[in-house]
Amino acid sequence: MEVEQWAGLGSALASFMLLGAMVRQYFPYQLQYYLTVYTHKLFSYFYPYIQLTIPEYSGGGMARSDAYAAVESYLADSPSVLRRARRLRADVGRGSKKLLITVDEDEEVADELAGGARVWWLSSRELPASQTITWNAAQATRRYYQLSFHRRHRELVVGSYLPRVVEEGRAAAIKNRQRRLFTNGDGWNDDGLAGSHVPFEHPSTFDTLAMDPVKKQEIVDDLTHFRDGKEYYAQIGKAWKRGYLLHGPPGTGKSSMIAAMANLLDYDVYDLELTTVEDNTELRRLFIETTSKSVIVIEDIDCSLDLTGKRSKRGKKDSAEVESEDKKNAPPPEKDEKEEDSKVTLSGLLNFIDGLWSACGGERIIVFTTNHVEKIDPALIRRGRMDKHIEMSYCGFEAFKVLAKNYLRIYGHRRFDEVRRLLEEVRMSPADVAENKAQTRVSRG
């Protein structure tokens, strides 16, 4: 009896396959299309589950999908999900500072929602249609996450669960990421952006910064208010960004201040060199490519852009007006190709700071540094562009005490009053004082 049942089932399957082949061969394409549509409708009527796909690359672009990255981080940071997985994958993710353990390909795991509802995540991939070699990651093997859930939970999943997954996934990615220091230049980095980057591991903090404690606390409060001010900036109708101008003599700690700001906020740092930017269009593109939660730095702004709006090479001085006859007759020196084509203007830089394009993204700190604030066009550093001006002055007594603590572990001394008096009479940069203390520590053994 059982044999007859299996024989009947095999006969039915063979008949069904024959019918399918006849439909594909003899039925018009339009009729095949309608048959497929109605077959899917009939199947979905009896199958109550909905499947939602989140591809790694969407729209054929080269940029990785933010939604895919958020789901990947969410699953890797969810112990309850990982506990249910039988196969896991371990890797140091791009931009991550620790080992990332997540769900392996073709592995399905369940996740619990509020109210006892359950969804299933499947990590899978789709092989390319052809074996041709391509440099476009989006055209190679396509990875994706597939979310399955009962149709009665559709509003719950789409309305609250998925937004929570994206939010928690982004927070996990920020928590686990390796902060980086970017610079613009020739070539392309691993993210498909112009320039290069290295891990940002500068040790400077506001505790180690040689500055008056009251002034430091004022800056810390300002930065903290900015970081937590997303709703405030939306309320007043301003882009979520803030400009800082650091000015003062060389060796007064401007670079250390930038590193301390980035470490306090846990932001990436973009060091933009204007002397390698060809024109305003490239400058705008560089700004668009910067991510949120970043400090964008242009050092020595007075050397990078003159007051006429034309870029000049850093550190280059104008030659004497009167030249010898031999120099006049000599062939002109060859110019760097970028120098000939450079067209970055003052107006382009102003639009970079607070034009329409500055509102792309959010949560950005823009920092200018200069040794000569009086040489900068006032339009470039007015309030609203450079919101806070911070003078990095010569070493005062409070800064000296910080250096004494950092370098020598000295918190008080009978000669501190004499040091206070001398610092009021002599101009010394914190860098000079720090070097003297370093030599003192070496001599003390």
Protein backbone atom coordinates (compact mmCIF):
# COMPACT_ATOMS: atom_id res chain seq x y z
CA MET A 1 0.00 0.00 0.00
CA GLU A 2 2.78 2.36 0.93
CA VAL A 3 4.61 1.58 -2.28
CA GLU A 4 1.51 2.45 -4.28
CA GLN A 5 1.22 5.80 -2.45
CA TRP A 6 4.81 6.74 -3.26
CA ALA A 7 4.28 5.68 -6.86
CA GLY A 8 1.19 7.88 -7.07
CA LEU A 9 3.09 10.84 -5.61
CA GLY A 10 5.92 10.37 -8.08
CA SER A 11 3.45 10.23 -10.95
CA ALA A 12 1.80 13.45 -9.77
CA LEU A 13 5.16 15.25 -9.52
CA ALA A 14 6.13 14.10 -13.00
CA SER A 15 2.82 15.33 -14.38
CA PHE A 16 3.27 18.69 -12.67
CA MET A 17 6.79 19.12 -14.08
CA LEU A 18 5.54 18.20 -17.55
CA LEU A 19 2.74 20.73 -17.24
CA GLY A 20 5.21 23.42 -16.19
CA ALA A 21 7.46 22.67 -19.16
CA MET A 22 4.50 22.86 -21.57
CA VAL A 23 3.43 26.21 -20.09
CA ARG A 24 6.93 27.68 -20.55
CA GLN A 25 7.20 26.35 -24.09
CA TYR A 26 3.75 26.93 -25.59
CA PHE A 27 2.04 29.64 -23.54
CA PRO A 28 2.60 33.28 -24.50
CA TYR A 29 4.84 35.33 -22.20
CA GLN A 30 1.95 37.55 -21.08
CA LEU A 31 -0.09 34.52 -20.05
CA GLN A 32 2.89 33.06 -18.19
CA TYR A 33 3.24 36.36 -16.33
CA TYR A 34 -0.40 36.37 -15.22
CA LEU A 35 -0.21 32.71 -14.20
CA THR A 36 2.86 33.49 -12.07
CA VAL A 37 1.18 36.49 -10.42
CA TYR A 38 -1.98 34.60 -9.56
CA THR A 39 -0.02 31.57 -8.39
CA HIS A 40 1.89 33.80 -5.96
CA LYS A 41 -1.38 35.33 -4.76
CA LEU A 42 -2.85 31.90 -4.20
CA PHE A 43 0.28 30.79 -2.36
CA SER A 44 0.35 33.93 -0.17
CA TYR A 45 -3.29 33.38 0.76
CA PHE A 46 -2.38 30.10 2.44
CA TYR A 47 1.17 31.19 3.54
CA PRO A 48 0.81 33.91 6.21
CA TYR A 49 4.46 35.01 6.45
CA ILE A 50 5.99 38.14 4.90
CA GLN A 51 9.63 38.32 3.80
CA LEU A 52 11.55 41.61 3.76
CA THR A 53 14.99 41.79 2.12
CA ILE A 54 17.76 44.23 3.10
CA PRO A 55 20.56 44.10 0.47
CA GLU A 56 24.16 45.05 1.20
CA TYR A 57 24.28 47.28 -1.89
CA SER A 58 21.11 48.95 -3.10
CA GLY A 59 20.36 50.65 -6.39
CA GLY A 60 23.45 49.26 -8.11
CA GLY A 61 25.66 51.75 -6.27
CA MET A 62 29.09 51.19 -4.77
CA ALA A 63 28.20 52.55 -1.34
CA ARG A 64 27.32 49.98 1.30
CA SER A 65 23.75 50.22 2.56
CA ASP A 66 23.43 51.90 5.96
CA ALA A 67 20.46 49.66 6.75
CA TYR A 68 22.47 46.49 6.06
CA ALA A 69 25.37 47.70 8.22
CA ALA A 70 22.95 48.60 11.02
CA VAL A 71 21.30 45.15 10.94
CA GLU A 72 24.72 43.47 10.96
CA SER A 73 25.79 45.50 14.01
CA TYR A 74 22.47 44.88 15.75
CA LEU A 75 22.69 41.10 15.36
CA ALA A 76 26.34 41.08 16.45
CA ASP A 77 25.49 43.14 19.56
CA SER A 78 22.41 41.13 20.56
CA PRO A 79 23.31 38.26 22.94
CA SER A 80 19.80 36.81 22.79
CA VAL A 81 20.03 36.49 19.00
CA LEU A 82 23.57 35.08 18.94
CA ARG A 83 22.62 32.54 21.60
CA ARG A 84 20.14 30.96 19.17
CA ALA A 85 22.61 30.73 16.27
CA ARG A 86 24.37 27.44 15.58
CA ARG A 87 26.87 28.87 13.09
CA LEU A 88 28.67 32.17 13.73
CA ARG A 89 31.26 34.20 11.84
CA ALA A 90 34.13 36.08 13.51
CA ASP A 91 35.98 38.95 11.85
CA VAL A 92 37.48 42.34 12.60
CA GLY A 93 34.94 44.46 10.79
CA ARG A 94 35.84 47.48 8.70
CA GLY A 95 36.49 50.37 11.04
CA SER A 96 35.98 48.18 14.13
CA LYS A 97 38.35 48.06 17.08
CA LYS A 98 37.42 44.60 18.34
CA LEU A 99 36.51 41.14 17.07
CA LEU A 100 33.03 41.13 15.57
CA ILE A 101 31.00 37.92 16.03
CA THR A 102 27.84 37.75 13.95
CA VAL A 103 25.50 35.31 12.25
CA ASP A 104 27.11 33.22 9.52
CA GLU A 105 25.74 33.02 5.98
CA ASP A 106 22.68 30.82 5.40
CA GLU A 107 21.97 30.79 9.13
CA GLU A 108 18.51 31.70 10.41
CA VAL A 109 17.96 33.05 13.92
CA ALA A 110 14.87 34.20 15.79
CA ASP A 111 14.32 37.46 17.65
CA GLU A 112 11.60 38.24 20.17
CA LEU A 113 9.39 41.33 19.96
CA ALA A 114 7.26 42.95 22.62
CA GLY A 115 4.07 41.01 23.27
CA GLY A 116 5.57 37.63 22.42
CA ALA A 117 5.76 38.17 18.65
CA ARG A 118 8.68 36.53 16.88
CA VAL A 119 10.64 37.33 13.72
CA TRP A 120 13.38 35.41 11.89
CA TRP A 121 16.59 36.81 10.40
CA LEU A 122 18.37 34.96 7.59
CA SER A 123 21.86 35.95 6.42
CA SER A 124 22.41 34.84 2.84
CA ARG A 125 23.97 35.80 -0.47
CA GLU A 126 23.20 35.75 -4.16
CA LEU A 127 25.93 34.71 -6.59
CA PRO A 128 26.55 36.87 -9.68
CA ALA A 129 24.73 35.87 -12.85
CA SER A 130 27.98 35.60 -14.82
CA GLN A 131 31.60 34.72 -14.04
CA THR A 132 32.97 37.98 -15.43
CA ILE A 133 35.52 39.87 -13.34
CA THR A 134 34.30 43.22 -12.02
CA TRP A 135 35.79 45.93 -9.85
CA ASN A 136 32.36 47.01 -8.65
CA ALA A 137 31.53 45.38 -5.32
CA ALA A 138 27.82 45.89 -5.98
CA GLN A 139 28.05 43.71 -9.10
CA ALA A 140 29.88 40.86 -7.34
CA THR A 141 28.38 38.46 -4.81
CA ARG A 142 25.36 40.18 -3.26
CA ARG A 143 24.84 39.58 0.43
CA TYR A 144 21.56 40.37 2.09
CA TYR A 145 19.50 39.90 5.22
CA GLN A 146 15.99 38.50 4.94
CA LEU A 147 13.47 39.23 7.68
CA SER A 148 10.43 36.94 7.97
CA PHE A 149 7.41 37.66 10.16
CA HIS A 150 3.70 36.87 10.39
CA ARG A 151 1.52 39.27 8.45
CA ARG A 152 -0.54 40.11 11.52
CA HIS A 153 2.64 41.66 13.01
CA ARG A 154 3.33 43.83 9.98
CA GLU A 155 2.56 47.19 11.62
CA LEU A 156 4.56 46.25 14.71
CA VAL A 157 7.60 45.19 12.68
CA VAL A 158 7.60 48.08 10.19
CA GLY A 159 6.47 50.76 12.62
CA SER A 160 8.61 50.09 15.69
CA TYR A 161 10.83 47.01 15.42
CA LEU A 162 12.82 47.92 12.30
CA PRO A 163 13.45 51.55 13.39
CA ARG A 164 14.68 50.21 16.74
CA VAL A 165 16.97 47.72 15.00
CA VAL A 166 18.52 50.49 12.89
CA GLU A 167 18.92 52.83 15.87
CA GLU A 168 20.48 50.20 18.13
CA GLY A 169 22.64 48.90 15.28
CA ARG A 170 24.07 52.35 14.58
CA ALA A 171 24.74 52.88 18.28
CA ALA A 172 26.54 49.52 18.45
CA ALA A 173 28.63 50.36 15.38
CA ILE A 174 29.70 53.66 16.94
CA LYS A 175 30.53 51.96 20.23
CA ASN A 176 32.65 49.26 18.59
CA ARG A 177 34.24 51.25 15.80
CA GLN A 178 37.89 52.22 15.51
CA ARG A 179 37.99 55.99 15.22
CA ARG A 180 40.03 57.19 12.27
CA LEU A 181 42.08 60.15 11.10
CA PHE A 182 41.34 60.98 7.45
CA THR A 183 43.24 63.17 5.04
CA ASN A 184 42.45 64.15 1.48
CA GLY A 185 44.90 63.30 -1.28
CA ASP A 186 45.48 61.16 -4.33
CA GLY A 187 43.98 57.70 -4.63
CA TRP A 188 41.01 56.01 -3.01
CA ASN A 189 40.61 54.41 0.37
CA ASP A 190 38.82 51.20 1.32
CA ASP A 191 35.48 52.99 1.57
CA GLY A 192 35.64 54.27 -2.01
CA LEU A 193 36.41 57.84 -0.93
CA ALA A 194 39.23 60.11 -2.03
CA GLY A 195 42.20 60.19 0.34
CA SER A 196 43.48 57.87 3.04
CA HIS A 197 43.05 57.20 6.73
CA VAL A 198 44.82 55.72 9.75
CA PRO A 199 43.53 54.73 13.19
CA PHE A 200 43.10 57.78 15.41
CA GLU A 201 44.94 57.02 18.65
CA HIS A 202 46.03 60.43 19.91
CA PRO A 203 46.23 60.34 23.74
CA SER A 204 45.41 64.01 24.37
CA THR A 205 42.48 64.71 26.70
CA PHE A 206 41.21 67.79 28.49
CA ASP A 207 42.78 66.42 31.67
CA THR A 208 46.25 66.48 30.09
CA LEU A 209 45.74 69.77 28.22
CA ALA A 210 47.89 72.62 29.57
CA MET A 211 45.25 75.32 29.99
CA ASP A 212 43.43 77.23 32.68
CA PRO A 213 40.89 74.81 34.28
CA VAL A 214 38.05 77.35 34.13
CA LYS A 215 38.62 77.89 30.41
CA LYS A 216 38.85 74.14 29.81
CA GLN A 217 35.58 73.49 31.59
CA GLU A 218 33.88 76.17 29.52
CA ILE A 219 35.01 74.44 26.32
CA VAL A 220 33.97 71.00 27.62
CA ASP A 221 30.50 72.31 28.51
CA ASP A 222 30.15 73.89 25.06
CA LEU A 223 31.14 70.66 23.29
CA THR A 224 28.84 68.55 25.46
CA HIS A 225 25.93 70.88 24.78
CA PHE A 226 26.60 70.56 21.05
CA ARG A 227 26.79 66.75 21.16
CA ASP A 228 23.46 66.51 22.97
CA GLY A 229 21.79 69.30 21.00
CA LYS A 230 20.20 67.51 18.03
CA GLU A 231 16.67 68.54 19.00
CA TYR A 232 17.83 72.06 19.92
CA TYR A 233 19.40 72.68 16.50
CA ALA A 234 16.29 71.33 14.77
CA GLN A 235 14.14 73.61 16.93
CA ILE A 236 16.06 76.77 15.98
CA GLY A 237 16.34 75.76 12.31
CA LYS A 238 20.13 75.51 12.09
CA ALA A 239 22.38 72.80 10.70
CA TRP A 240 23.79 70.57 13.44
CA LYS A 241 27.37 71.86 13.24
CA ARG A 242 29.61 74.20 15.17
CA GLY A 243 32.73 76.12 14.25
CA TYR A 244 35.78 76.68 16.45
CA LEU A 245 38.68 79.03 15.72
CA LEU A 246 41.89 78.17 17.56
CA HIS A 247 44.38 81.01 17.37
CA GLY A 248 47.67 81.70 19.08
CA PRO A 249 51.45 81.44 18.71
CA PRO A 250 53.12 78.18 17.64
CA GLY A 251 53.52 75.57 20.36
CA THR A 252 50.48 76.62 22.38
CA GLY A 253 48.62 73.32 21.98
CA LYS A 254 46.22 73.85 19.08
CA SER A 255 46.70 70.33 17.69
CA SER A 256 46.42 68.84 21.18
CA MET A 257 43.17 70.77 21.67
CA ILE A 258 41.74 69.25 18.48
CA ALA A 259 42.68 65.74 19.62
CA ALA A 260 41.16 66.37 23.05
CA MET A 261 37.93 67.56 21.42
CA ALA A 262 37.74 64.44 19.24
CA ASN A 263 38.44 62.15 22.21
CA LEU A 264 35.83 63.85 24.37
CA LEU A 265 33.14 63.55 21.70
CA ASP A 266 34.33 60.16 20.37
CA TYR A 267 34.43 61.60 16.81
CA ASP A 268 36.54 60.84 13.74
CA VAL A 269 38.93 63.53 12.50
CA TYR A 270 39.21 64.83 8.91
CA ASP A 271 42.39 66.84 8.29
CA LEU A 272 41.71 68.75 5.06
CA GLU A 273 44.71 70.14 3.20
CA LEU A 274 43.41 72.96 0.99
CA THR A 275 46.64 73.11 -0.99
CA THR A 276 45.74 69.79 -2.64
CA VAL A 277 42.12 70.70 -3.46
CA GLU A 278 41.68 71.65 -7.10
CA ASP A 279 38.52 73.77 -6.99
CA ASN A 280 35.32 74.57 -5.12
CA THR A 281 33.57 71.53 -6.58
CA GLU A 282 36.15 69.15 -5.16
CA LEU A 283 35.99 70.95 -1.80
CA ARG A 284 32.22 70.48 -1.74
CA ARG A 285 32.60 66.80 -2.64
CA LEU A 286 35.09 66.28 0.17
CA PHE A 287 32.66 67.83 2.63
CA ILE A 288 29.80 65.61 1.43
CA GLU A 289 31.99 62.53 1.90
CA THR A 290 32.72 63.35 5.54
CA THR A 291 30.58 61.41 7.96
CA SER A 292 28.57 62.64 10.88
CA LYS A 293 30.23 62.55 14.31
CA SER A 294 33.41 64.07 12.92
CA VAL A 295 35.81 66.94 13.52
CA ILE A 296 36.79 68.64 10.24
CA VAL A 297 40.12 70.46 10.59
CA ILE A 298 41.80 73.04 8.37
CA GLU A 299 45.10 73.99 9.96
CA ASP A 300 46.92 77.27 9.31
CA ILE A 301 43.96 78.72 7.46
CA ASP A 302 45.82 81.99 6.87
CA CYS A 303 48.46 80.08 4.85
CA SER A 304 45.96 77.97 2.91
CA LEU A 305 43.87 80.78 1.43
CA ASP A 306 44.81 84.40 0.79
CA LEU A 307 42.38 87.28 1.13
CA THR A 308 41.69 87.43 -2.61
CA GLY A 309 40.15 83.99 -2.47
CA LYS A 310 42.88 82.27 -4.49
CA ARG A 311 44.69 79.38 -2.93
CA SER A 312 48.42 79.60 -2.32
CA LYS A 313 50.90 76.91 -1.45
CA ARG A 314 51.52 76.64 2.26
CA GLY A 315 54.67 78.32 3.44
CA LYS A 316 55.45 79.86 0.04
CA LYS A 317 56.49 83.53 0.04
CA ASP A 318 56.22 86.06 -2.77
CA SER A 319 59.52 86.61 -4.53
CA ALA A 320 61.14 90.02 -4.72
CA GLU A 321 59.55 92.46 -7.15
CA VAL A 322 62.83 93.27 -8.84
CA GLU A 323 64.68 90.35 -10.39
CA SER A 324 68.01 90.22 -12.10
CA GLU A 325 68.17 90.22 -15.87
CA ASP A 326 69.42 86.62 -15.86
CA LYS A 327 66.36 85.45 -13.96
CA LYS A 328 64.06 87.32 -16.31
CA ASN A 329 65.59 85.61 -19.32
CA ALA A 330 65.59 82.19 -17.70
CA PRO A 331 62.79 79.78 -18.66
CA PRO A 332 59.88 79.80 -16.23
CA PRO A 333 59.96 77.00 -13.67
CA GLU A 334 57.63 74.11 -14.19
CA LYS A 335 54.48 74.36 -12.11
CA ASP A 336 52.76 71.58 -10.39
CA GLU A 337 49.67 70.56 -12.34
CA LYS A 338 47.43 70.99 -9.31
CA GLU A 339 48.93 74.42 -8.62
CA GLU A 340 48.08 75.62 -12.13
CA ASP A 341 44.52 74.34 -11.93
CA SER A 342 43.76 75.35 -8.35
CA LYS A 343 40.62 77.45 -8.15
CA VAL A 344 39.53 77.25 -4.52
CA THR A 345 38.11 80.65 -3.63
CA LEU A 346 37.22 82.42 -0.43
CA SER A 347 33.54 82.32 -1.38
CA GLY A 348 33.81 78.57 -1.96
CA LEU A 349 35.24 78.13 1.51
CA LEU A 350 32.46 80.26 3.00
CA ASN A 351 29.85 78.06 1.33
CA PHE A 352 31.70 75.03 2.68
CA ILE A 353 31.27 76.36 6.21
CA ASP A 354 27.68 77.60 6.28
CA GLY A 355 26.16 77.34 2.80
CA LEU A 356 23.35 75.03 1.77
CA TRP A 357 25.72 72.09 1.40
CA SER A 358 26.87 72.46 5.00
CA ALA A 359 23.49 71.09 6.13
CA CYS A 360 24.17 67.70 4.49
CA GLY A 361 24.53 65.19 7.29
CA GLY A 362 24.97 66.55 10.78
CA GLU A 363 26.87 66.47 14.06
CA ARG A 364 30.05 67.99 12.66
CA ILE A 365 32.64 70.20 14.32
CA ILE A 366 34.61 72.50 11.99
CA VAL A 367 37.95 73.75 13.35
CA PHE A 368 40.24 76.39 11.87
CA THR A 369 43.68 77.04 13.34
CA THR A 370 45.94 80.02 12.75
CA ASN A 371 49.01 81.66 14.23
CA HIS A 372 47.94 85.09 12.96
CA VAL A 373 44.23 85.74 13.43
CA GLU A 374 44.63 89.34 12.26
CA LYS A 375 45.52 88.12 8.75
CA ILE A 376 42.21 86.32 8.19
CA ASP A 377 39.30 87.94 6.40
CA PRO A 378 36.70 88.82 9.09
CA ALA A 379 33.97 87.29 6.90
CA LEU A 380 35.59 83.89 7.32
CA ILE A 381 35.63 83.86 11.12
CA ARG A 382 32.55 85.88 12.05
CA ARG A 383 30.10 84.46 14.57
CA GLY A 384 27.82 81.95 12.89
CA ARG A 385 30.74 80.53 10.91
CA MET A 386 33.33 80.21 13.65
CA ASP A 387 30.95 80.20 16.61
CA LYS A 388 33.59 80.06 19.32
CA HIS A 389 37.00 81.72 19.25
CA ILE A 390 39.55 80.08 21.55
CA GLU A 391 42.83 81.86 22.19
CA MET A 392 45.69 79.44 22.79
CA SER A 393 48.04 81.72 24.69
CA TYR A 394 51.49 81.43 26.21
CA CYS A 395 51.96 79.26 29.26
CA GLY A 396 50.32 80.66 32.38
CA PHE A 397 50.67 79.44 35.92
CA GLU A 398 47.57 77.20 35.79
CA ALA A 399 48.87 75.56 32.60
CA PHE A 400 52.28 75.17 34.25
CA LYS A 401 50.71 73.26 37.16
CA VAL A 402 49.06 70.84 34.70
CA LEU A 403 52.42 70.23 33.00
CA ALA A 404 54.16 69.75 36.36
CA LYS A 405 51.56 67.16 37.30
CA ASN A 406 51.70 65.36 33.93
CA TYR A 407 55.47 65.26 33.51
CA LEU A 408 56.88 65.21 37.04
CA ARG A 409 53.93 64.16 39.22
CA ILE A 410 54.45 67.36 41.24
CA TYR A 411 51.23 68.79 42.67
CA GLY A 412 52.74 71.56 44.78
CA HIS A 413 56.15 73.07 45.53
CA ARG A 414 57.61 75.83 47.67
CA ARG A 415 58.96 77.59 44.56
CA PHE A 416 55.60 77.75 42.76
CA ASP A 417 55.17 81.41 43.76
CA GLU A 418 58.47 82.23 42.08
CA VAL A 419 57.39 80.32 38.97
CA ARG A 420 54.14 82.29 38.89
CA ARG A 421 56.06 85.59 38.97
CA LEU A 422 58.48 84.53 36.25
CA LEU A 423 55.72 83.34 33.91
CA GLU A 424 54.12 86.77 34.16
CA GLU A 425 57.37 88.33 32.93
CA VAL A 426 58.49 85.78 30.33
CA ARG A 427 56.64 84.48 27.29
CA MET A 428 57.03 80.73 26.95
CA SER A 429 54.83 78.39 25.00
CA PRO A 430 53.46 75.28 26.73
CA ALA A 431 55.54 73.22 24.28
CA ASP A 432 58.77 74.86 25.51
CA VAL A 433 57.80 74.36 29.15
CA ALA A 434 56.87 70.73 28.47
CA GLU A 435 60.22 70.07 26.80
CA ASN A 436 62.08 71.52 29.78
CA LYS A 437 60.09 69.28 32.13
CA ALA A 438 60.81 66.26 29.94
CA GLN A 439 64.55 67.01 30.14
CA THR A 440 64.24 67.42 33.91
CA ARG A 441 62.63 64.01 34.20
CA VAL A 442 65.41 62.45 32.10
CA SER A 443 68.12 64.04 34.24
CA ARG A 444 66.39 62.82 37.41
CA GLY A 445 66.41 59.30 36.01
